[in-house]
Amino acid sequence: MITGFTISKVEGRVDSIDALAKQRFPKLNYNIDSLSGAAEKIKINYEFSATYFDSDAKEAKSIGELKLSGAVEIKETKENVSSIVKKWNESHLLPPQLAEEILNSLNFRCGATGTLVAYSLGLIPPLVISTTKIEEKK
């Protein structure tokens, strides 16, 4: 269960004001920079980015970007913390249910904050309306 969510850094830039009229919905990227655990808490440091292009083509020109970074704190049992940290250290994977919770939280919180920044820069809001579902490979 997520018990804390912070956004500690927000960056935004527009490279080409003239190209804003051609912008497409941004390409979103979620990066977990680090994961650590102690007792009944897990701390995940993340970076969320939304990159804007002037078209959907492969050679599209970047016209701007939003970046938000911070940390998510999660409360789990000691056994689950140990298991999650071990799995992360071995394969950089999270249990599907936890990954869903984190991605949906990042979509909501970073999307909402990113909308305010995007609006001030003339960019399309980085909002994802649907929820993310993750299934393990069988």
Protein backbone atom coordinates (compact mmCIF):
# COMPACT_ATOMS: atom_id res chain seq x y z
CA MET A 1 0.00 0.00 0.00
CA ILE A 2 1.35 3.43 -0.97
CA THR A 3 1.77 5.59 2.13
CA GLY A 4 3.74 8.49 0.66
CA PHE A 5 4.22 10.16 -2.69
CA THR A 6 6.47 13.14 -3.30
CA ILE A 7 7.38 15.12 -6.37
CA SER A 8 10.68 16.76 -5.54
CA LYS A 9 11.73 18.11 -8.92
CA VAL A 10 9.78 19.48 -11.89
CA GLU A 11 11.33 20.58 -15.18
CA GLY A 12 9.72 21.76 -18.38
CA ARG A 13 11.01 23.15 -21.63
CA VAL A 14 9.82 24.07 -25.09
CA ASP A 15 12.42 23.89 -27.85
CA SER A 16 10.31 25.32 -30.67
CA ILE A 17 7.39 27.65 -30.06
CA ASP A 18 6.60 27.61 -33.78
CA ALA A 19 6.15 23.81 -33.72
CA LEU A 20 3.65 23.82 -30.83
CA ALA A 21 0.76 23.85 -33.32
CA LYS A 22 2.02 20.49 -34.70
CA GLN A 23 2.59 18.74 -31.37
CA ARG A 24 1.30 15.22 -30.78
CA PHE A 25 0.33 13.50 -27.54
CA PRO A 26 3.61 13.07 -25.64
CA LYS A 27 5.59 9.86 -25.41
CA LEU A 28 5.55 8.96 -21.72
CA ASN A 29 8.38 7.22 -19.90
CA TYR A 30 8.45 5.91 -16.34
CA ASN A 31 11.82 5.10 -14.83
CA ILE A 32 12.52 3.59 -11.44
CA ASP A 33 15.93 4.99 -10.52
CA SER A 34 16.32 2.99 -7.31
CA LEU A 35 14.46 0.81 -4.86
CA SER A 36 15.39 0.24 -1.23
CA GLY A 37 13.67 -1.40 1.68
CA ALA A 38 13.98 -1.57 5.45
CA ALA A 39 11.67 -3.04 8.08
CA GLU A 40 8.14 -2.55 6.67
CA LYS A 41 8.88 0.22 4.15
CA ILE A 42 9.97 0.33 0.55
CA LYS A 43 11.19 3.54 -1.05
CA ILE A 44 11.16 3.89 -4.82
CA ASN A 45 12.85 6.84 -6.53
CA TYR A 46 11.32 7.55 -9.92
CA GLU A 47 11.47 9.86 -12.92
CA PHE A 48 8.44 10.51 -15.11
CA SER A 49 8.97 12.19 -18.46
CA ALA A 50 6.73 13.33 -21.28
CA THR A 51 8.50 14.10 -24.55
CA TYR A 52 6.70 16.08 -27.25
CA PHE A 53 7.29 15.74 -31.00
CA ASP A 54 6.07 17.61 -34.09
CA SER A 55 4.76 14.43 -35.76
CA ASP A 56 4.37 10.69 -35.27
CA ALA A 57 7.07 9.84 -37.83
CA LYS A 58 10.36 8.15 -36.85
CA GLU A 59 12.32 11.26 -37.77
CA ALA A 60 10.01 13.56 -35.79
CA LYS A 61 11.62 16.59 -34.20
CA SER A 62 11.43 16.99 -30.42
CA ILE A 63 9.68 20.22 -29.48
CA GLY A 64 9.60 19.97 -25.69
CA GLU A 65 9.71 17.86 -22.57
CA LEU A 66 8.38 17.63 -19.03
CA LYS A 67 10.23 15.76 -16.27
CA LEU A 68 9.04 15.07 -12.76
CA SER A 69 10.99 13.09 -10.19
CA GLY A 70 10.53 12.09 -6.61
CA ALA A 71 9.82 9.11 -4.38
CA VAL A 72 7.04 6.69 -3.56
CA GLU A 73 6.88 5.05 -0.12
CA ILE A 74 5.14 1.73 0.34
CA LYS A 75 4.18 -0.15 3.49
CA GLU A 76 4.42 -3.94 3.34
CA THR A 77 5.13 -6.81 5.70
CA LYS A 78 8.80 -7.47 6.50
CA GLU A 79 8.65 -10.68 4.47
CA ASN A 80 7.19 -8.93 1.43
CA VAL A 81 9.74 -6.10 1.69
CA SER A 82 12.57 -8.63 1.73
CA SER A 83 11.10 -10.55 -1.22
CA ILE A 84 10.43 -7.41 -3.28
CA VAL A 85 13.92 -5.98 -2.67
CA LYS A 86 15.54 -9.33 -3.52
CA LYS A 87 13.56 -9.65 -6.77
CA TRP A 88 14.36 -6.04 -7.69
CA ASN A 89 18.09 -6.51 -7.06
CA GLU A 90 18.16 -9.71 -9.14
CA SER A 91 16.00 -8.75 -12.12
CA HIS A 92 14.72 -5.17 -11.77
CA LEU A 93 11.15 -6.48 -11.69
CA LEU A 94 8.31 -5.73 -9.31
CA PRO A 95 5.38 -7.99 -8.43
CA PRO A 96 2.59 -7.23 -10.95
CA GLN A 97 0.11 -5.94 -8.36
CA LEU A 98 2.68 -3.54 -6.87
CA ALA A 99 3.84 -2.42 -10.33
CA GLU A 100 0.21 -1.65 -11.28
CA GLU A 101 -0.31 0.37 -8.11
CA ILE A 102 2.88 2.37 -8.69
CA LEU A 103 2.25 3.01 -12.41
CA ASN A 104 -1.33 4.10 -11.80
CA SER A 105 -0.21 6.38 -8.99
CA LEU A 106 2.51 7.89 -11.21
CA ASN A 107 -0.03 8.37 -14.02
CA PHE A 108 -2.43 10.16 -11.71
CA ARG A 109 -0.05 12.31 -9.66
CA CYS A 110 2.50 13.16 -12.34
CA GLY A 111 -0.23 13.60 -14.94
CA ALA A 112 -2.09 16.07 -12.72
CA THR A 113 1.02 18.05 -11.79
CA GLY A 114 2.37 17.79 -15.34
CA THR A 115 -0.88 19.25 -16.64
CA LEU A 116 -0.27 22.47 -14.74
CA VAL A 117 3.27 22.75 -16.10
CA ALA A 118 2.21 21.74 -19.64
CA TYR A 119 -0.53 24.36 -19.65
CA SER A 120 1.92 27.14 -18.78
CA LEU A 121 4.24 26.02 -21.62
CA GLY A 122 1.53 25.50 -24.23
CA LEU A 123 1.98 21.71 -24.29
CA ILE A 124 -0.67 18.98 -24.36
CA PRO A 125 -1.35 17.63 -20.84
CA PRO A 126 0.37 14.27 -20.19
CA LEU A 127 -2.84 12.66 -18.89
CA VAL A 128 -3.48 8.94 -19.15
CA ILE A 129 -7.20 8.35 -18.66
CA SER A 130 -7.20 4.54 -18.40
CA THR A 131 -5.73 2.40 -15.64
CA THR A 132 -2.77 0.13 -16.21
CA LYS A 133 -3.15 -3.64 -15.87
CA ILE A 134 -0.13 -5.93 -15.71
CA GLU A 135 -0.17 -9.69 -16.12
CA GLU A 136 2.68 -12.07 -15.49
CA LYS A 137 3.96 -14.17 -18.36
CA LYS A 138 2.64 -17.69 -18.23
